[in-house]
Amino acid sequence: MPEMIVPGTYIEVRAEGLIRPGPISIGNVGIIGTAQRGRLADPNDPDTVYKPANIGESREIFGEYDAFGNRIESNELTLVRAMELAYANGAQRVFAVRVANIPAAEPLAAYELSTSEGGMVTVEAREHGTGYNDALVEVTEAATADLLDVTFTTDDDRVEESWRNVPEAVEEFAQVINGTHPTYNYGPLASTGGRSALFEVNVGAATGNVETTEEALQTQTSATNGANTGAGDYQSGLAALLNQNVHIVVLAGQNAGTMGPALVAHVENASTDLMKRERVGVIGSSASSTVTDLVAPAQDEGRLIFAGPGVRVNDVVAGREVVLPGTYAAAAVAGRISSLDPHFSPTNKTINANGLETDFNGTELEQLLLGRVLALESRNGTIRIVRGLTTSTNTAWSQITTRRIVDYARFGVRAAANPFIGKLNNERVRQALKGSVNSLLAAMVDREMLIGYELDVSATRDQQIRGIAQVTMFLQPTFSIDFIRVVMYLE
């Protein structure tokens, strides 16, 4: 309501005129791969996307990778290895998704507890994976009579869960571990409602009381990792990431030949006005020793980055240096790019690695650059990115900085527009929206992301009725001679 300040003078404050965009980041990395444990990708369950703070927490969630060159099931565990490379090269926030190829009849890791009436209670892993095999399942007498203390410890000692004063009766015992007991409040994991994140207790036909364990229980059935994944499994992982706040996507250990098209389709779909997720993908080469092995796929919008050759790194499991193909170099490159502001080029930036799979000479590196490969070279004892290129055949999108600057602007426009949702779609409100977007673009000029820009916010009569505002921008990113026309439909 207008407020009278002096007789005959009224001031009315319009809230939309005060709206300005908040802080923006486009450095979150999404990594999809295989692992020893952890919940499997489910597009309908956001809890299957993990957000570990560092590589140590990643190992707690997913277990360790296997020694490269001595691969379990002839398929390496890719997720934690790729995360290790991403963190080592500057990634700050990683969204991790585990995928697996598990047949319906594949057993879960399971252990059996005896009961006072001769039956057996089954302690069964919640997910498939060798990370649940050979766990320590302990049931001991509690300090209070007729109650038990229960501990689960993974075989690598990274995760331990403990419950105190658990009822002996099999039904209540199962309810406590499964997080369904109506009154028990000694559960170790608030994030899972008090239930075990590792195991589930199945009573079956057992009755009576659960007995204590006198010695370590042996695994009754062992699980596998399902690491022999295919395109469909990674499609599930990509679908799980679709609505997450991720800006750079890596398919751990996957090469452009087999998974490039799926990754391209994902980043293009995620970056539409419908999905509202500006995103690029980084993928690499298979084991390669010649220039002709490194063939970058084309993606005209500059949303795909193809990295190669592979890198030499220390394998903490094997206890030696190993040579990883470009499928893992991609994770290192993604981490490095994520650590940079959008207008800072990856060109000449270092990669944290011991060496390269192949050292190409100057002529060979030039061939790789002409083939749109983000090539790595060894120079003065360090590994460096030769030039920050996308796989785009369109000159305007060939530089990573151009793609990321424009994505930053698009992401910022969406952030600036969010507070206007639900307000009138009239000229006054659109001008307020234009002012908010203009402040974003002006700040980008000040930060030297843009050299210049033009901006218009409009709506046809039909768009007004449908609640759509059209934002048209002509952006000239730093290091680009082209103006990029961006049209966005906000509703």
Protein backbone atom coordinates (compact mmCIF):
# COMPACT_ATOMS: atom_id res chain seq x y z
CA MET A 1 0.00 0.00 0.00
CA PRO A 2 1.41 3.48 -0.83
CA GLU A 3 2.70 5.39 2.18
CA MET A 4 2.32 9.19 2.50
CA ILE A 5 5.67 10.78 3.35
CA VAL A 6 4.66 14.48 3.19
CA PRO A 7 1.20 15.88 2.49
CA GLY A 8 0.22 15.13 -1.08
CA THR A 9 3.28 12.87 -1.70
CA TYR A 10 3.02 9.10 -1.78
CA ILE A 11 5.77 6.51 -2.31
CA GLU A 12 4.97 2.94 -3.31
CA VAL A 13 7.77 0.34 -3.26
CA ARG A 14 7.41 -2.40 -5.90
CA ALA A 15 9.15 -5.53 -4.60
CA GLU A 16 10.13 -6.73 -8.08
CA GLY A 17 12.21 -3.59 -8.56
CA LEU A 18 14.51 -4.70 -5.73
CA ILE A 19 15.25 -8.18 -7.06
CA ARG A 20 18.83 -8.88 -8.07
CA PRO A 21 20.46 -12.23 -8.96
CA GLY A 22 22.44 -13.99 -6.25
CA PRO A 23 25.79 -15.84 -6.43
CA ILE A 24 26.19 -18.31 -9.31
CA SER A 25 28.46 -21.32 -9.73
CA ILE A 26 28.83 -23.68 -12.69
CA GLY A 27 31.59 -25.91 -11.34
CA ASN A 28 29.70 -28.93 -9.95
CA VAL A 29 30.92 -32.25 -11.38
CA GLY A 30 28.70 -35.29 -11.87
CA ILE A 31 30.48 -38.67 -12.12
CA ILE A 32 28.83 -41.99 -12.97
CA GLY A 33 30.63 -45.31 -12.55
CA THR A 34 30.91 -48.74 -10.96
CA ALA A 35 31.83 -49.38 -7.32
CA GLN A 36 32.01 -51.99 -4.53
CA ARG A 37 29.01 -50.68 -2.64
CA GLY A 38 26.48 -47.86 -2.46
CA ARG A 39 22.91 -47.51 -3.66
CA LEU A 40 22.37 -48.03 -7.36
CA ALA A 41 21.19 -45.28 -9.68
CA ASP A 42 17.45 -44.71 -9.59
CA PRO A 43 16.04 -41.76 -11.57
CA ASN A 44 13.06 -41.68 -9.20
CA ASP A 45 15.14 -41.55 -6.02
CA PRO A 46 17.38 -38.48 -5.51
CA ASP A 47 19.04 -40.23 -2.55
CA THR A 48 20.90 -42.46 -5.03
CA VAL A 49 22.92 -39.38 -6.01
CA TYR A 50 25.64 -38.96 -3.38
CA LYS A 51 27.48 -35.71 -2.60
CA PRO A 52 30.70 -36.71 -0.78
CA ALA A 53 32.80 -33.86 0.56
CA ASN A 54 36.16 -35.40 -0.35
CA ILE A 55 37.83 -38.58 -1.58
CA GLY A 56 37.94 -40.05 1.94
CA GLU A 57 34.17 -39.80 2.29
CA SER A 58 33.83 -41.20 -1.24
CA ARG A 59 35.71 -44.33 -0.20
CA GLU A 60 33.47 -44.70 2.86
CA ILE A 61 30.38 -44.66 0.66
CA PHE A 62 31.56 -46.65 -2.37
CA GLY A 63 34.54 -48.66 -1.12
CA GLU A 64 37.90 -48.83 -2.91
CA TYR A 65 38.61 -49.36 -6.56
CA ASP A 66 40.42 -52.53 -7.66
CA ALA A 67 44.05 -52.61 -8.75
CA PHE A 68 44.19 -51.49 -12.37
CA GLY A 69 45.51 -54.35 -14.49
CA ASN A 70 44.16 -56.91 -12.01
CA ARG A 71 40.50 -56.21 -12.56
CA ILE A 72 37.64 -57.87 -10.73
CA GLU A 73 35.27 -59.68 -13.11
CA SER A 74 37.43 -58.44 -16.01
CA ASN A 75 35.75 -55.04 -15.57
CA GLU A 76 37.41 -52.38 -13.47
CA LEU A 77 35.68 -50.40 -10.74
CA THR A 78 35.60 -46.92 -12.18
CA LEU A 79 33.74 -44.51 -9.91
CA VAL A 80 36.13 -43.93 -7.00
CA ARG A 81 39.17 -43.87 -9.29
CA ALA A 82 37.57 -41.14 -11.40
CA MET A 83 36.54 -39.22 -8.28
CA GLU A 84 40.11 -39.44 -6.97
CA LEU A 85 41.37 -37.84 -10.19
CA ALA A 86 38.67 -35.16 -10.17
CA TYR A 87 39.35 -34.16 -6.55
CA ALA A 88 43.11 -34.21 -7.13
CA ASN A 89 42.67 -31.70 -9.95
CA GLY A 90 40.53 -29.18 -8.12
CA ALA A 91 36.93 -30.41 -8.05
CA GLN A 92 35.15 -28.99 -5.00
CA ARG A 93 31.67 -30.48 -5.27
CA VAL A 94 31.05 -33.87 -6.84
CA PHE A 95 27.70 -35.59 -7.44
CA ALA A 96 28.38 -39.34 -7.63
CA VAL A 97 26.15 -42.11 -9.00
CA ARG A 98 26.83 -45.84 -8.85
CA VAL A 99 25.68 -48.06 -11.74
CA ALA A 100 25.82 -51.85 -12.08
CA ASN A 101 24.66 -54.69 -14.27
CA ILE A 102 22.97 -57.08 -11.84
CA PRO A 103 20.86 -60.03 -13.07
CA ALA A 104 17.59 -60.51 -11.18
CA ALA A 105 18.77 -63.81 -9.69
CA GLU A 106 22.14 -62.47 -8.51
CA PRO A 107 22.49 -63.08 -4.72
CA LEU A 108 23.16 -60.39 -2.14
CA ALA A 109 25.82 -60.79 0.52
CA ALA A 110 24.13 -62.46 3.49
CA TYR A 111 24.94 -63.65 7.02
CA GLU A 112 22.93 -65.79 9.47
CA LEU A 113 22.27 -65.24 13.18
CA SER A 114 21.13 -68.09 15.40
CA THR A 115 18.04 -67.80 17.61
CA SER A 116 17.08 -69.40 20.91
CA GLU A 117 14.49 -71.63 19.23
CA GLY A 118 16.78 -72.97 16.54
CA GLY A 119 15.77 -70.77 13.63
CA MET A 120 18.05 -68.43 11.67
CA VAL A 121 17.72 -64.68 11.13
CA THR A 122 19.27 -63.43 7.88
CA VAL A 123 21.35 -60.24 7.74
CA GLU A 124 21.33 -59.31 4.06
CA ALA A 125 23.12 -56.49 2.23
CA ARG A 126 20.88 -53.68 1.01
CA GLU A 127 22.70 -53.53 -2.33
CA HIS A 128 24.84 -55.77 -4.50
CA GLY A 129 28.62 -55.45 -4.39
CA THR A 130 31.75 -57.06 -3.01
CA GLY A 131 31.94 -54.22 -0.50
CA TYR A 132 29.34 -56.10 1.59
CA ASN A 133 31.20 -59.43 1.55
CA ASP A 134 33.37 -60.47 4.50
CA ALA A 135 31.86 -57.84 6.77
CA LEU A 136 32.08 -58.17 10.55
CA VAL A 137 28.64 -58.81 12.06
CA GLU A 138 28.80 -58.79 15.88
CA VAL A 139 26.00 -59.34 18.40
CA THR A 140 27.06 -59.10 22.06
CA GLU A 141 25.33 -58.82 25.42
CA ALA A 142 24.49 -55.26 26.42
CA ALA A 143 25.13 -53.80 29.85
CA THR A 144 21.40 -54.16 30.53
CA ALA A 145 20.04 -57.70 30.88
CA ASP A 146 18.03 -59.14 27.97
CA LEU A 147 19.30 -56.50 25.56
CA LEU A 148 21.98 -56.71 22.88
CA ASP A 149 24.63 -54.50 21.27
CA VAL A 150 25.01 -54.86 17.50
CA THR A 151 27.89 -53.77 15.25
CA PHE A 152 28.37 -53.99 11.48
CA THR A 153 31.82 -53.22 10.04
CA THR A 154 32.77 -53.40 6.36
CA ASP A 155 35.77 -55.56 5.50
CA ASP A 156 37.88 -52.48 4.70
CA ASP A 157 37.06 -51.00 8.15
CA ARG A 158 35.89 -47.76 6.53
CA VAL A 159 32.28 -47.97 7.72
CA GLU A 160 31.08 -49.07 11.14
CA GLU A 161 27.52 -48.98 12.45
CA SER A 162 26.61 -49.66 16.09
CA TRP A 163 23.36 -50.07 18.02
CA ARG A 164 23.11 -50.26 21.81
CA ASN A 165 20.40 -51.90 23.92
CA VAL A 166 18.62 -53.73 21.11
CA PRO A 167 15.73 -56.02 22.16
CA GLU A 168 16.51 -59.76 21.87
CA ALA A 169 13.14 -60.78 20.39
CA VAL A 170 13.66 -61.46 16.69
CA GLU A 171 10.82 -59.22 15.48
CA GLU A 172 11.93 -56.20 17.52
CA PHE A 173 15.59 -56.91 16.69
CA ALA A 174 14.75 -56.71 12.97
CA GLN A 175 12.67 -53.55 13.46
CA VAL A 176 15.60 -51.77 15.12
CA ILE A 177 18.14 -52.60 12.41
CA ASN A 178 15.60 -51.87 9.66
CA GLY A 179 14.64 -48.52 11.22
CA THR A 180 10.96 -49.39 11.77
CA HIS A 181 10.84 -49.84 15.54
CA PRO A 182 8.21 -47.51 17.04
CA THR A 183 10.20 -46.41 20.10
CA TYR A 184 13.87 -47.35 19.72
CA ASN A 185 16.12 -44.24 19.58
CA TYR A 186 19.70 -45.54 19.71
CA GLY A 187 20.11 -45.81 15.91
CA PRO A 188 23.48 -44.68 14.53
CA LEU A 189 22.38 -43.02 11.29
CA ALA A 190 19.99 -40.08 11.50
CA SER A 191 20.24 -39.64 7.72
CA THR A 192 18.58 -43.03 7.17
CA GLY A 193 15.98 -42.78 9.88
CA GLY A 194 18.01 -44.95 12.24
CA ARG A 195 18.13 -47.94 9.92
CA SER A 196 21.31 -49.61 8.73
CA ALA A 197 22.69 -48.22 5.49
CA LEU A 198 24.50 -51.53 4.89
CA PHE A 199 22.21 -54.41 5.86
CA GLU A 200 18.60 -55.42 6.34
CA VAL A 201 17.41 -58.09 8.77
CA ASN A 202 14.95 -60.68 7.49
CA VAL A 203 13.25 -62.78 10.17
CA GLY A 204 11.63 -65.35 7.90
CA ALA A 205 10.15 -68.16 10.01
CA ALA A 206 12.56 -67.62 12.93
CA THR A 207 11.13 -67.14 16.43
CA GLY A 208 12.50 -66.61 19.91
CA ASN A 209 15.50 -64.40 20.73
CA VAL A 210 18.56 -63.55 18.69
CA GLU A 211 21.69 -65.12 20.19
CA THR A 212 25.10 -63.52 20.54
CA THR A 213 27.88 -64.24 18.06
CA GLU A 214 30.83 -66.09 19.55
CA GLU A 215 33.06 -65.63 16.51
CA ALA A 216 33.11 -63.80 13.18
CA LEU A 217 30.25 -64.88 10.91
CA GLN A 218 31.05 -66.29 7.51
CA THR A 219 29.33 -64.94 4.42
CA GLN A 220 26.56 -67.37 3.49
CA THR A 221 26.22 -65.92 0.00
CA SER A 222 28.67 -63.51 -1.64
CA ALA A 223 27.73 -60.66 -3.97
CA THR A 224 29.39 -59.34 -7.11
CA ASN A 225 29.87 -55.76 -8.25
CA GLY A 226 28.04 -55.91 -11.56
CA ALA A 227 30.90 -53.99 -13.10
CA ASN A 228 30.29 -55.41 -16.58
CA THR A 229 27.97 -52.52 -17.30
CA GLY A 230 26.50 -51.46 -20.63
CA ALA A 231 24.97 -48.38 -22.18
CA GLY A 232 21.60 -48.99 -20.52
CA ASP A 233 23.14 -48.90 -17.04
CA TYR A 234 24.86 -45.60 -17.75
CA GLN A 235 21.62 -44.25 -19.19
CA SER A 236 20.05 -44.88 -15.77
CA GLY A 237 22.92 -43.01 -14.15
CA LEU A 238 22.49 -40.06 -16.51
CA ALA A 239 18.76 -40.01 -15.82
CA ALA A 240 19.46 -39.91 -12.07
CA LEU A 241 21.67 -36.83 -12.61
CA LEU A 242 19.24 -35.05 -14.93
CA ASN A 243 17.55 -32.89 -12.28
CA GLN A 244 20.63 -32.38 -10.13
CA ASN A 245 22.60 -29.12 -9.96
CA VAL A 246 25.44 -30.53 -12.08
CA HIS A 247 27.37 -28.61 -14.74
CA ILE A 248 30.12 -31.00 -15.89
CA VAL A 249 29.40 -34.72 -16.45
CA VAL A 250 31.89 -37.60 -16.63
CA LEU A 251 31.17 -41.25 -17.43
CA ALA A 252 33.97 -42.88 -15.45
CA GLY A 253 36.11 -45.21 -17.55
CA GLN A 254 33.83 -44.94 -20.60
CA ASN A 255 35.13 -43.96 -24.04
CA ALA A 256 33.65 -41.73 -26.70
CA GLY A 257 33.13 -44.56 -29.15
CA THR A 258 30.65 -46.45 -26.98
CA MET A 259 29.16 -43.80 -24.71
CA GLY A 260 29.80 -40.51 -26.53
CA PRO A 261 26.35 -40.37 -28.22
CA ALA A 262 24.52 -41.01 -24.93
CA LEU A 263 26.53 -38.31 -23.16
CA VAL A 264 25.89 -35.80 -25.97
CA ALA A 265 22.16 -36.54 -25.91
CA HIS A 266 22.12 -36.07 -22.14
CA VAL A 267 23.91 -32.70 -22.02
CA GLU A 268 21.83 -31.36 -24.91
CA ASN A 269 18.58 -32.41 -23.24
CA ALA A 270 19.64 -31.09 -19.83
CA SER A 271 20.52 -27.68 -21.32
CA THR A 272 17.12 -26.98 -22.88
CA ASP A 273 14.69 -24.35 -21.60
CA LEU A 274 12.50 -27.23 -20.45
CA MET A 275 15.12 -28.94 -18.26
CA LYS A 276 16.99 -25.72 -17.31
CA ARG A 277 20.38 -27.35 -16.60
CA GLU A 278 23.30 -25.85 -18.52
CA ARG A 279 25.77 -28.71 -18.83
CA VAL A 280 28.86 -30.00 -20.65
CA GLY A 281 30.27 -33.52 -20.84
CA VAL A 282 33.88 -34.67 -20.70
CA ILE A 283 34.84 -38.02 -22.18
CA GLY A 284 38.11 -39.62 -23.23
CA SER A 285 39.89 -42.06 -25.46
CA SER A 286 40.42 -45.76 -24.98
CA ALA A 287 43.98 -47.03 -24.56
CA SER A 288 45.85 -45.32 -27.37
CA SER A 289 49.41 -44.91 -28.60
CA THR A 290 49.00 -43.13 -31.94
CA VAL A 291 47.36 -39.93 -33.11
CA THR A 292 44.93 -41.87 -35.28
CA ASP A 293 43.57 -43.58 -32.16
CA LEU A 294 42.33 -40.25 -30.84
CA VAL A 295 39.27 -39.37 -32.90
CA ALA A 296 36.96 -36.77 -31.38
CA PRO A 297 33.23 -37.00 -32.08
CA ALA A 298 31.51 -33.81 -33.27
CA GLN A 299 29.01 -31.88 -31.18
CA ASP A 300 28.18 -28.53 -32.74
CA GLU A 301 26.97 -26.74 -29.61
CA GLY A 302 30.31 -27.17 -27.84
CA ARG A 303 28.86 -29.29 -25.05
CA LEU A 304 31.34 -32.16 -25.40
CA ILE A 305 35.03 -32.19 -24.50
CA PHE A 306 37.22 -35.06 -25.70
CA ALA A 307 40.41 -35.61 -23.66
CA GLY A 308 43.50 -37.64 -24.46
CA PRO A 309 45.92 -39.31 -24.17
CA GLY A 310 45.75 -41.23 -20.90
CA VAL A 311 47.73 -40.47 -17.74
CA ARG A 312 50.17 -42.21 -15.42
CA VAL A 313 49.14 -42.08 -11.76
CA ASN A 314 49.84 -43.86 -8.48
CA ASP A 315 47.40 -46.69 -7.77
CA VAL A 316 46.83 -46.86 -4.00
CA VAL A 317 45.50 -50.43 -4.23
CA ALA A 318 48.20 -51.84 -6.50
CA GLY A 319 50.88 -49.84 -4.67
CA ARG A 320 52.55 -48.82 -7.92
CA GLU A 321 52.24 -46.49 -10.87
CA VAL A 322 49.68 -47.49 -13.49
CA VAL A 323 48.84 -46.21 -16.96
CA LEU A 324 45.20 -45.18 -17.29
CA PRO A 325 43.56 -44.53 -20.67
CA GLY A 326 41.99 -41.23 -21.68
CA THR A 327 38.70 -42.45 -20.23
CA TYR A 328 40.20 -41.49 -16.86
CA ALA A 329 42.12 -38.45 -18.10
CA ALA A 330 38.61 -37.08 -18.72
CA ALA A 331 37.93 -37.07 -14.96
CA ALA A 332 41.16 -35.19 -14.27
CA VAL A 333 40.30 -32.63 -16.98
CA ALA A 334 36.77 -32.23 -15.60
CA GLY A 335 38.15 -31.54 -12.14
CA ARG A 336 40.56 -28.95 -13.53
CA ILE A 337 37.88 -27.16 -15.56
CA SER A 338 35.52 -27.13 -12.59
CA SER A 339 38.15 -25.33 -10.51
CA LEU A 340 38.30 -22.41 -12.96
CA ASP A 341 36.02 -19.41 -13.33
CA PRO A 342 34.08 -19.64 -16.62
CA HIS A 343 36.27 -17.06 -18.37
CA PHE A 344 39.57 -18.64 -17.30
CA SER A 345 40.82 -20.86 -20.10
CA PRO A 346 42.09 -24.38 -19.35
CA THR A 347 44.83 -23.75 -21.92
CA ASN A 348 48.26 -24.38 -20.37
CA LYS A 349 46.75 -25.35 -17.01
CA THR A 350 48.44 -28.25 -15.22
CA ILE A 351 46.98 -31.70 -14.63
CA ASN A 352 47.97 -33.56 -11.48
CA ALA A 353 49.50 -36.76 -12.87
CA ASN A 354 52.91 -38.47 -12.97
CA GLY A 355 53.10 -38.64 -16.75
CA LEU A 356 51.24 -39.49 -19.92
CA GLU A 357 50.21 -42.70 -21.59
CA THR A 358 51.92 -41.41 -24.76
CA ASP A 359 54.17 -38.38 -25.26
CA PHE A 360 53.22 -36.84 -28.60
CA ASN A 361 55.59 -34.52 -30.45
CA GLY A 362 54.71 -31.02 -31.64
CA THR A 363 53.48 -32.14 -35.06
CA GLU A 364 51.29 -34.84 -33.54
CA LEU A 365 49.85 -32.40 -31.00
CA GLU A 366 48.95 -30.02 -33.82
CA GLN A 367 47.09 -32.84 -35.54
CA LEU A 368 45.17 -33.55 -32.35
CA LEU A 369 44.18 -29.90 -32.00
CA LEU A 370 42.99 -29.80 -35.60
CA GLY A 371 40.95 -32.90 -34.78
CA ARG A 372 39.24 -31.04 -31.87
CA VAL A 373 40.97 -33.05 -29.13
CA LEU A 374 41.72 -31.46 -25.76
CA ALA A 375 45.26 -32.79 -25.84
CA LEU A 376 47.61 -33.23 -22.90
CA GLU A 377 51.35 -32.78 -23.18
CA SER A 378 54.35 -33.25 -20.93
CA ARG A 379 56.29 -30.01 -20.62
CA ASN A 380 59.07 -29.10 -18.19
CA GLY A 381 58.20 -31.95 -15.87
CA THR A 382 54.48 -31.15 -15.70
CA ILE A 383 51.38 -32.34 -17.54
CA ARG A 384 49.53 -29.49 -19.23
CA ILE A 385 46.43 -28.93 -21.34
CA VAL A 386 47.61 -27.77 -24.76
CA ARG A 387 44.42 -25.88 -25.61
CA GLY A 388 40.96 -25.70 -24.07
CA LEU A 389 38.89 -27.04 -26.96
CA THR A 390 35.44 -28.55 -27.31
CA THR A 391 34.61 -31.02 -30.08
CA SER A 392 32.48 -28.44 -31.91
CA THR A 393 33.01 -27.96 -35.64
CA ASN A 394 31.35 -24.55 -35.21
CA THR A 395 34.07 -21.97 -34.65
CA ALA A 396 31.90 -19.97 -32.27
CA TRP A 397 31.69 -22.88 -29.82
CA SER A 398 35.17 -24.35 -30.24
CA GLN A 399 36.55 -22.68 -27.10
CA ILE A 400 35.57 -24.07 -23.69
CA THR A 401 35.51 -20.55 -22.27
CA THR A 402 32.88 -19.43 -24.78
CA ARG A 403 30.61 -22.35 -23.93
CA ARG A 404 31.01 -21.86 -20.17
CA ILE A 405 30.59 -18.07 -20.28
CA VAL A 406 27.35 -18.37 -22.23
CA ASP A 407 26.16 -21.14 -19.90
CA TYR A 408 26.99 -18.91 -16.93
CA ALA A 409 24.85 -16.17 -18.43
CA ARG A 410 21.99 -18.58 -19.14
CA PHE A 411 22.21 -20.04 -15.65
CA GLY A 412 22.30 -16.52 -14.21
CA VAL A 413 19.23 -15.47 -16.18
CA ARG A 414 17.32 -18.43 -14.78
CA ALA A 415 18.43 -17.52 -11.24
CA ALA A 416 17.44 -13.87 -11.82
CA ALA A 417 14.05 -14.91 -13.19
CA ASN A 418 13.06 -17.30 -10.39
CA PRO A 419 11.82 -14.57 -8.01
CA PHE A 420 9.55 -13.22 -10.77
CA ILE A 421 7.65 -16.48 -11.20
CA GLY A 422 4.03 -15.92 -10.25
CA LYS A 423 4.13 -12.17 -10.75
CA LEU A 424 2.19 -10.30 -13.40
CA ASN A 425 3.55 -10.68 -16.92
CA ASN A 426 3.17 -7.01 -17.81
CA GLU A 427 5.55 -4.35 -19.10
CA ARG A 428 6.41 -3.04 -15.64
CA VAL A 429 7.40 -6.48 -14.29
CA ARG A 430 9.29 -7.37 -17.47
CA GLN A 431 11.28 -4.16 -17.15
CA ALA A 432 12.11 -5.12 -13.58
CA LEU A 433 13.24 -8.54 -14.84
CA LYS A 434 15.31 -6.82 -17.50
CA GLY A 435 16.95 -4.70 -14.82
CA SER A 436 17.82 -7.79 -12.80
CA VAL A 437 19.30 -9.57 -15.84
CA ASN A 438 21.10 -6.39 -16.86
CA SER A 439 22.82 -6.23 -13.47
CA LEU A 440 24.03 -9.81 -14.02
CA LEU A 441 25.43 -9.08 -17.48
CA ALA A 442 27.01 -5.82 -16.34
CA ALA A 443 28.75 -7.71 -13.55
CA MET A 444 30.01 -10.21 -16.14
CA VAL A 445 31.51 -7.31 -18.11
CA ASP A 446 33.16 -6.02 -14.93
CA ARG A 447 34.61 -9.48 -14.27
CA GLU A 448 35.87 -9.62 -17.89
CA MET A 449 33.67 -12.55 -18.85
CA LEU A 450 32.03 -10.43 -21.52
CA ILE A 451 33.33 -7.67 -23.75
CA GLY A 452 29.84 -6.41 -24.46
CA TYR A 453 26.19 -7.41 -24.71
CA GLU A 454 22.72 -6.38 -25.84
CA LEU A 455 19.60 -7.34 -23.93
CA ASP A 456 15.86 -7.33 -24.57
CA VAL A 457 13.00 -8.77 -22.51
CA SER A 458 9.66 -8.99 -24.29
CA ALA A 459 6.43 -10.95 -24.67
CA THR A 460 3.86 -11.20 -27.40
CA ARG A 461 0.19 -11.06 -26.45
CA ASP A 462 0.03 -14.85 -26.62
CA GLN A 463 3.15 -15.17 -24.45
CA GLN A 464 1.64 -12.78 -21.91
CA ILE A 465 -1.45 -14.95 -21.63
CA ARG A 466 0.68 -18.09 -21.25
CA GLY A 467 2.98 -16.45 -18.69
CA ILE A 468 6.11 -16.54 -20.88
CA ALA A 469 8.82 -13.87 -21.01
CA GLN A 470 11.30 -13.95 -23.88
CA VAL A 471 14.86 -12.94 -23.05
CA THR A 472 17.04 -12.19 -26.07
CA MET A 473 20.77 -11.57 -25.51
CA PHE A 474 23.63 -10.84 -27.87
CA LEU A 475 26.76 -11.74 -25.91
CA GLN A 476 30.37 -11.22 -26.86
CA PRO A 477 32.41 -13.49 -24.58
CA THR A 478 36.01 -12.73 -23.77
CA PHE A 479 38.43 -14.33 -26.27
CA SER A 480 35.65 -14.60 -28.85
CA ILE A 481 35.26 -12.50 -32.01
CA ASP A 482 31.66 -13.67 -32.38
CA PHE A 483 28.49 -12.33 -30.86
CA ILE A 484 26.45 -15.25 -29.53
CA ARG A 485 22.68 -14.83 -29.87
CA VAL A 486 20.84 -16.46 -26.96
CA VAL A 487 17.05 -16.67 -26.83
CA MET A 488 15.42 -17.97 -23.67
CA TYR A 489 11.75 -18.54 -22.92
CA LEU A 490 11.02 -18.15 -19.21
CA GLU A 491 7.72 -19.32 -17.76
